[in-house]
Amino acid sequence: MAMTEATCGLPILRRMRKTFVRLALLALLVPVVATGALKAGPGDGTLSVEDGRGKVNLDARGGVFGRLDRGTITVYDKTPADTSYPIVTGADQPEVFLTDGGVRYRGNGLRVRIIGGGFKLQIQGRGIDLSVVGKGSGFIEADNSPEPGVYSLEGADCRKSRSSCEALPLPGLRFKLVPAEKARSKPGSN
């Protein structure tokens, strides 16, 4: 498009530069806000799973960030009237709407994000990477793999420090999401 006297290039470039700077700052801010969204508050418990093989079921209120190399994720939004809704991406196959209100996703490279509100989450497959903060309960179980992956209910980040985490249990383990200090003070409370 040719410039005319009516369209001087300098003001347009200034506006575009300001817009670009704002978008760049926003792009840097989003990951910072997202990681801050999963900080444990008073009374919140945590669950971290790294490279899990098996299944993880949660019935909780709080936040989840997760990834699954291969398998299924079933999500139930227990607070559908709020502004937070579960987001699942990467499904290879069409989602299945279940009669009890859940939605099942299948495929390779699935990702899930739930921030705020109540949810029920069922994950089954390989390569389960999960960070959960909130209040509620769950069940975790390894498959028969020789390398089932690791998990922690005591605030450890299994991505950063696998040695501070335990192998996924077989047979499975029922647990409650409780603050790390309560989990350490009551042996066998999980």
C-alpha atoms as a PDB file:
ATOM      1  CA  MET A   1       0.000   0.000   0.000  1.00  0.00           C
ATOM      2  CA  ALA A   2       1.462   3.325  -1.013  1.00  0.00           C
ATOM      3  CA  MET A   3       1.785   6.128   1.517  1.00  0.00           C
ATOM      4  CA  THR A   4      -0.003   9.335   0.785  1.00  0.00           C
ATOM      5  CA  GLU A   5       0.285  12.709   2.434  1.00  0.00           C
ATOM      6  CA  ALA A   6      -2.786  11.812   4.509  1.00  0.00           C
ATOM      7  CA  THR A   7      -1.115   8.675   5.938  1.00  0.00           C
ATOM      8  CA  CYS A   8       2.198   9.583   7.428  1.00  0.00           C
ATOM      9  CA  GLY A   9       4.269   6.498   8.368  1.00  0.00           C
ATOM     10  CA  LEU A  10       5.709   7.783  11.651  1.00  0.00           C
ATOM     11  CA  PRO A  11       2.500   7.903  13.795  1.00  0.00           C
ATOM     12  CA  ILE A  12       1.472   4.452  12.561  1.00  0.00           C
ATOM     13  CA  LEU A  13       4.864   3.011  13.516  1.00  0.00           C
ATOM     14  CA  ARG A  14       4.681   4.592  16.998  1.00  0.00           C
ATOM     15  CA  ARG A  15       1.256   3.056  17.613  1.00  0.00           C
ATOM     16  CA  MET A  16       2.423  -0.328  16.364  1.00  0.00           C
ATOM     17  CA  ARG A  17       5.537  -0.173  18.556  1.00  0.00           C
ATOM     18  CA  LYS A  18       3.427   0.600  21.658  1.00  0.00           C
ATOM     19  CA  THR A  19       1.058  -2.249  20.810  1.00  0.00           C
ATOM     20  CA  PHE A  20       3.961  -4.646  20.249  1.00  0.00           C
ATOM     21  CA  VAL A  21       5.596  -3.706  23.584  1.00  0.00           C
ATOM     22  CA  ARG A  22       2.294  -4.215  25.436  1.00  0.00           C
ATOM     23  CA  LEU A  23       1.743  -7.619  23.839  1.00  0.00           C
ATOM     24  CA  ALA A  24       5.325  -8.672  24.609  1.00  0.00           C
ATOM     25  CA  LEU A  25       4.911  -7.681  28.275  1.00  0.00           C
ATOM     26  CA  LEU A  26       1.603  -9.543  28.436  1.00  0.00           C
ATOM     27  CA  ALA A  27       3.229 -12.653  26.958  1.00  0.00           C
ATOM     28  CA  LEU A  28       5.893 -12.529  29.675  1.00  0.00           C
ATOM     29  CA  LEU A  29       3.324 -11.943  32.422  1.00  0.00           C
ATOM     30  CA  VAL A  30       0.985 -14.854  31.586  1.00  0.00           C
ATOM     31  CA  PRO A  31       3.382 -17.672  32.643  1.00  0.00           C
ATOM     32  CA  VAL A  32       4.218 -15.812  35.873  1.00  0.00           C
ATOM     33  CA  VAL A  33       0.530 -15.477  36.752  1.00  0.00           C
ATOM     34  CA  ALA A  34      -0.155 -19.089  35.769  1.00  0.00           C
ATOM     35  CA  THR A  35       2.555 -20.477  38.053  1.00  0.00           C
ATOM     36  CA  GLY A  36       1.382 -18.235  40.876  1.00  0.00           C
ATOM     37  CA  ALA A  37      -2.141 -19.582  40.444  1.00  0.00           C
ATOM     38  CA  LEU A  38      -1.058 -22.965  41.839  1.00  0.00           C
ATOM     39  CA  LYS A  39       0.534 -21.800  45.073  1.00  0.00           C
ATOM     40  CA  ALA A  40      -0.829 -23.571  48.106  1.00  0.00           C
ATOM     41  CA  GLY A  41      -2.876 -21.417  50.434  1.00  0.00           C
ATOM     42  CA  PRO A  42      -3.719 -22.166  54.069  1.00  0.00           C
ATOM     43  CA  GLY A  43      -5.260 -25.620  54.315  1.00  0.00           C
ATOM     44  CA  ASP A  44      -4.423 -26.578  50.715  1.00  0.00           C
ATOM     45  CA  GLY A  45      -2.692 -29.839  49.948  1.00  0.00           C
ATOM     46  CA  THR A  46      -0.521 -30.710  46.971  1.00  0.00           C
ATOM     47  CA  LEU A  47       0.063 -33.607  44.635  1.00  0.00           C
ATOM     48  CA  SER A  48       2.936 -33.847  42.182  1.00  0.00           C
ATOM     49  CA  VAL A  49       3.275 -36.718  39.699  1.00  0.00           C
ATOM     50  CA  GLU A  50       6.153 -37.122  37.264  1.00  0.00           C
ATOM     51  CA  ASP A  51       6.213 -39.612  34.378  1.00  0.00           C
ATOM     52  CA  GLY A  52       3.476 -41.715  35.985  1.00  0.00           C
ATOM     53  CA  ARG A  53       2.125 -44.891  34.435  1.00  0.00           C
ATOM     54  CA  GLY A  54      -1.235 -45.949  35.770  1.00  0.00           C
ATOM     55  CA  LYS A  55      -4.158 -43.891  37.005  1.00  0.00           C
ATOM     56  CA  VAL A  56      -4.865 -40.832  39.105  1.00  0.00           C
ATOM     57  CA  ASN A  57      -8.372 -39.930  40.289  1.00  0.00           C
ATOM     58  CA  LEU A  58      -9.133 -36.629  42.029  1.00  0.00           C
ATOM     59  CA  ASP A  59     -12.247 -35.153  43.594  1.00  0.00           C
ATOM     60  CA  ALA A  60     -11.192 -31.695  44.695  1.00  0.00           C
ATOM     61  CA  ARG A  61     -11.489 -27.932  44.640  1.00  0.00           C
ATOM     62  CA  GLY A  62      -8.436 -25.995  43.514  1.00  0.00           C
ATOM     63  CA  GLY A  63      -6.084 -26.022  40.555  1.00  0.00           C
ATOM     64  CA  VAL A  64      -4.498 -28.572  38.226  1.00  0.00           C
ATOM     65  CA  PHE A  65      -1.893 -28.359  35.483  1.00  0.00           C
ATOM     66  CA  GLY A  66      -1.142 -31.628  33.762  1.00  0.00           C
ATOM     67  CA  ARG A  67       0.064 -33.496  30.734  1.00  0.00           C
ATOM     68  CA  LEU A  68      -0.446 -37.061  29.563  1.00  0.00           C
ATOM     69  CA  ASP A  69       1.733 -38.687  26.897  1.00  0.00           C
ATOM     70  CA  ARG A  70      -0.881 -41.290  25.993  1.00  0.00           C
ATOM     71  CA  GLY A  71      -4.227 -42.271  27.487  1.00  0.00           C
ATOM     72  CA  THR A  72      -7.545 -40.812  28.622  1.00  0.00           C
ATOM     73  CA  ILE A  73      -8.611 -37.850  30.724  1.00  0.00           C
ATOM     74  CA  THR A  74     -12.176 -37.650  32.032  1.00  0.00           C
ATOM     75  CA  VAL A  75     -13.282 -34.336  33.541  1.00  0.00           C
ATOM     76  CA  TYR A  76     -16.355 -33.479  35.599  1.00  0.00           C
ATOM     77  CA  ASP A  77     -16.933 -29.779  36.328  1.00  0.00           C
ATOM     78  CA  LYS A  78     -18.632 -29.777  39.748  1.00  0.00           C
ATOM     79  CA  THR A  79     -19.157 -25.998  39.673  1.00  0.00           C
ATOM     80  CA  PRO A  80     -20.356 -25.300  36.118  1.00  0.00           C
ATOM     81  CA  ALA A  81     -21.930 -21.950  37.055  1.00  0.00           C
ATOM     82  CA  ASP A  82     -18.586 -20.341  37.963  1.00  0.00           C
ATOM     83  CA  THR A  83     -16.317 -18.586  35.477  1.00  0.00           C
ATOM     84  CA  SER A  84     -13.594 -21.242  35.671  1.00  0.00           C
ATOM     85  CA  TYR A  85     -14.001 -24.204  33.400  1.00  0.00           C
ATOM     86  CA  PRO A  86     -11.695 -27.139  32.676  1.00  0.00           C
ATOM     87  CA  ILE A  87      -9.549 -26.905  29.546  1.00  0.00           C
ATOM     88  CA  VAL A  88      -8.256 -30.051  27.852  1.00  0.00           C
ATOM     89  CA  THR A  89      -6.304 -29.881  24.594  1.00  0.00           C
ATOM     90  CA  GLY A  90      -4.541 -32.332  22.297  1.00  0.00           C
ATOM     91  CA  ALA A  91      -7.233 -34.999  21.929  1.00  0.00           C
ATOM     92  CA  ASP A  92      -6.643 -37.209  18.873  1.00  0.00           C
ATOM     93  CA  GLN A  93     -10.161 -38.618  18.964  1.00  0.00           C
ATOM     94  CA  PRO A  94     -13.492 -36.809  19.355  1.00  0.00           C
ATOM     95  CA  GLU A  95     -14.458 -36.106  22.956  1.00  0.00           C
ATOM     96  CA  VAL A  96     -17.135 -38.324  24.457  1.00  0.00           C
ATOM     97  CA  PHE A  97     -19.903 -36.676  26.480  1.00  0.00           C
ATOM     98  CA  LEU A  98     -20.865 -39.086  29.255  1.00  0.00           C
ATOM     99  CA  THR A  99     -24.407 -39.458  30.610  1.00  0.00           C
ATOM    100  CA  ASP A 100     -23.266 -38.517  34.130  1.00  0.00           C
ATOM    101  CA  GLY A 101     -21.992 -35.095  32.960  1.00  0.00           C
ATOM    102  CA  GLY A 102     -18.346 -35.903  32.344  1.00  0.00           C
ATOM    103  CA  VAL A 103     -16.319 -35.407  29.190  1.00  0.00           C
ATOM    104  CA  ARG A 104     -13.726 -38.021  28.144  1.00  0.00           C
ATOM    105  CA  TYR A 105     -10.714 -37.102  26.028  1.00  0.00           C
ATOM    106  CA  ARG A 106      -8.371 -39.646  24.390  1.00  0.00           C
ATOM    107  CA  GLY A 107      -5.094 -39.359  22.604  1.00  0.00           C
ATOM    108  CA  ASN A 108      -1.402 -38.582  22.653  1.00  0.00           C
ATOM    109  CA  GLY A 109      -0.041 -35.381  24.164  1.00  0.00           C
ATOM    110  CA  LEU A 110      -3.150 -34.406  26.145  1.00  0.00           C
ATOM    111  CA  ARG A 111      -2.958 -31.321  28.366  1.00  0.00           C
ATOM    112  CA  VAL A 112      -5.341 -30.306  31.140  1.00  0.00           C
ATOM    113  CA  ARG A 113      -5.748 -27.069  33.064  1.00  0.00           C
ATOM    114  CA  ILE A 114      -8.283 -26.406  35.788  1.00  0.00           C
ATOM    115  CA  ILE A 115      -7.990 -23.267  37.879  1.00  0.00           C
ATOM    116  CA  GLY A 116     -10.544 -22.727  40.635  1.00  0.00           C
ATOM    117  CA  GLY A 117     -13.831 -24.432  41.294  1.00  0.00           C
ATOM    118  CA  GLY A 118     -14.702 -28.006  42.078  1.00  0.00           C
ATOM    119  CA  PHE A 119     -13.767 -30.831  39.754  1.00  0.00           C
ATOM    120  CA  LYS A 120     -13.530 -34.565  39.450  1.00  0.00           C
ATOM    121  CA  LEU A 121     -10.657 -35.760  37.287  1.00  0.00           C
ATOM    122  CA  GLN A 122      -9.763 -39.265  36.116  1.00  0.00           C
ATOM    123  CA  ILE A 123      -6.473 -39.775  34.297  1.00  0.00           C
ATOM    124  CA  GLN A 124      -5.282 -43.122  32.998  1.00  0.00           C
ATOM    125  CA  GLY A 125      -2.287 -43.809  30.808  1.00  0.00           C
ATOM    126  CA  ARG A 126       1.448 -43.264  30.378  1.00  0.00           C
ATOM    127  CA  GLY A 127       3.567 -40.199  30.975  1.00  0.00           C
ATOM    128  CA  ILE A 128       1.337 -38.570  33.580  1.00  0.00           C
ATOM    129  CA  ASP A 129       2.836 -35.243  34.686  1.00  0.00           C
ATOM    130  CA  LEU A 130       0.586 -33.463  37.158  1.00  0.00           C
ATOM    131  CA  SER A 131       0.662 -30.584  39.628  1.00  0.00           C
ATOM    132  CA  VAL A 132      -2.366 -30.201  41.909  1.00  0.00           C
ATOM    133  CA  VAL A 133      -3.079 -27.690  44.670  1.00  0.00           C
ATOM    134  CA  GLY A 134      -6.324 -27.698  46.601  1.00  0.00           C
ATOM    135  CA  LYS A 135      -8.599 -29.480  49.009  1.00  0.00           C
ATOM    136  CA  GLY A 136     -10.104 -32.884  48.390  1.00  0.00           C
ATOM    137  CA  SER A 137      -9.270 -36.538  48.012  1.00  0.00           C
ATOM    138  CA  GLY A 138      -8.059 -38.983  45.423  1.00  0.00           C
ATOM    139  CA  PHE A 139      -6.660 -42.326  44.424  1.00  0.00           C
ATOM    140  CA  ILE A 140      -3.373 -43.100  42.707  1.00  0.00           C
ATOM    141  CA  GLU A 141      -2.187 -46.447  41.352  1.00  0.00           C
ATOM    142  CA  ALA A 142       0.660 -47.645  39.169  1.00  0.00           C
ATOM    143  CA  ASP A 143       0.260 -50.100  36.326  1.00  0.00           C
ATOM    144  CA  ASN A 144       2.486 -53.179  36.190  1.00  0.00           C
ATOM    145  CA  SER A 145       5.361 -51.255  34.605  1.00  0.00           C
ATOM    146  CA  PRO A 146       8.878 -51.694  36.033  1.00  0.00           C
ATOM    147  CA  GLU A 147       9.177 -47.874  36.028  1.00  0.00           C
ATOM    148  CA  PRO A 148       5.825 -46.555  37.317  1.00  0.00           C
ATOM    149  CA  GLY A 149       6.880 -42.916  37.800  1.00  0.00           C
ATOM    150  CA  VAL A 150       6.991 -40.929  41.048  1.00  0.00           C
ATOM    151  CA  TYR A 151       4.633 -38.848  43.165  1.00  0.00           C
ATOM    152  CA  SER A 152       4.584 -36.665  46.269  1.00  0.00           C
ATOM    153  CA  LEU A 153       1.789 -35.502  48.570  1.00  0.00           C
ATOM    154  CA  GLU A 154       4.141 -33.472  50.784  1.00  0.00           C
ATOM    155  CA  GLY A 155       4.871 -30.416  48.675  1.00  0.00           C
ATOM    156  CA  ALA A 156       7.876 -31.789  46.769  1.00  0.00           C
ATOM    157  CA  ASP A 157       8.108 -30.958  43.062  1.00  0.00           C
ATOM    158  CA  CYS A 158       8.865 -34.303  41.441  1.00  0.00           C
ATOM    159  CA  ARG A 159      10.026 -32.604  38.222  1.00  0.00           C
ATOM    160  CA  LYS A 160      12.873 -30.900  40.055  1.00  0.00           C
ATOM    161  CA  SER A 161      13.720 -33.526  42.646  1.00  0.00           C
ATOM    162  CA  ARG A 162      12.702 -37.099  41.785  1.00  0.00           C
ATOM    163  CA  SER A 163      14.692 -38.403  44.760  1.00  0.00           C
ATOM    164  CA  SER A 164      12.325 -36.630  47.197  1.00  0.00           C
ATOM    165  CA  CYS A 165       9.337 -38.484  45.706  1.00  0.00           C
ATOM    166  CA  GLU A 166       8.058 -42.057  45.954  1.00  0.00           C
ATOM    167  CA  ALA A 167       7.234 -44.589  43.235  1.00  0.00           C
ATOM    168  CA  LEU A 168       3.560 -44.761  42.294  1.00  0.00           C
ATOM    169  CA  PRO A 169       1.985 -47.399  44.550  1.00  0.00           C
ATOM    170  CA  LEU A 170       0.751 -50.823  43.476  1.00  0.00           C
ATOM    171  CA  PRO A 171      -1.771 -51.655  44.850  1.00  0.00           C
ATOM    172  CA  GLY A 172      -3.275 -48.177  44.780  1.00  0.00           C
ATOM    173  CA  LEU A 173      -3.416 -45.581  47.530  1.00  0.00           C
ATOM    174  CA  ARG A 174      -6.352 -43.430  48.639  1.00  0.00           C
ATOM    175  CA  PHE A 175      -5.293 -40.008  49.891  1.00  0.00           C
ATOM    176  CA  LYS A 176      -6.504 -36.628  51.086  1.00  0.00           C
ATOM    177  CA  LEU A 177      -4.960 -33.383  49.915  1.00  0.00           C
ATOM    178  CA  VAL A 178      -3.703 -31.901  53.186  1.00  0.00           C
ATOM    179  CA  PRO A 179      -1.028 -29.288  53.911  1.00  0.00           C
ATOM    180  CA  ALA A 180       2.496 -30.717  53.873  1.00  0.00           C
ATOM    181  CA  GLU A 181       3.067 -30.050  57.584  1.00  0.00           C
ATOM    182  CA  LYS A 182      -0.045 -32.096  58.504  1.00  0.00           C
ATOM    183  CA  ALA A 183       0.981 -34.915  56.158  1.00  0.00           C
ATOM    184  CA  ARG A 184       4.405 -35.122  57.850  1.00  0.00           C
ATOM    185  CA  SER A 185       3.019 -34.885  61.394  1.00  0.00           C
ATOM    186  CA  LYS A 186       0.484 -37.732  61.010  1.00  0.00           C
ATOM    187  CA  PRO A 187       2.134 -40.882  59.693  1.00  0.00           C
ATOM    188  CA  GLY A 188      -0.264 -42.991  57.641  1.00  0.00           C
ATOM    189  CA  SER A 189      -2.810 -40.167  57.297  1.00  0.00           C
ATOM    190  CA  ASN A 190      -2.650 -40.329  53.513  1.00  0.00           C
END
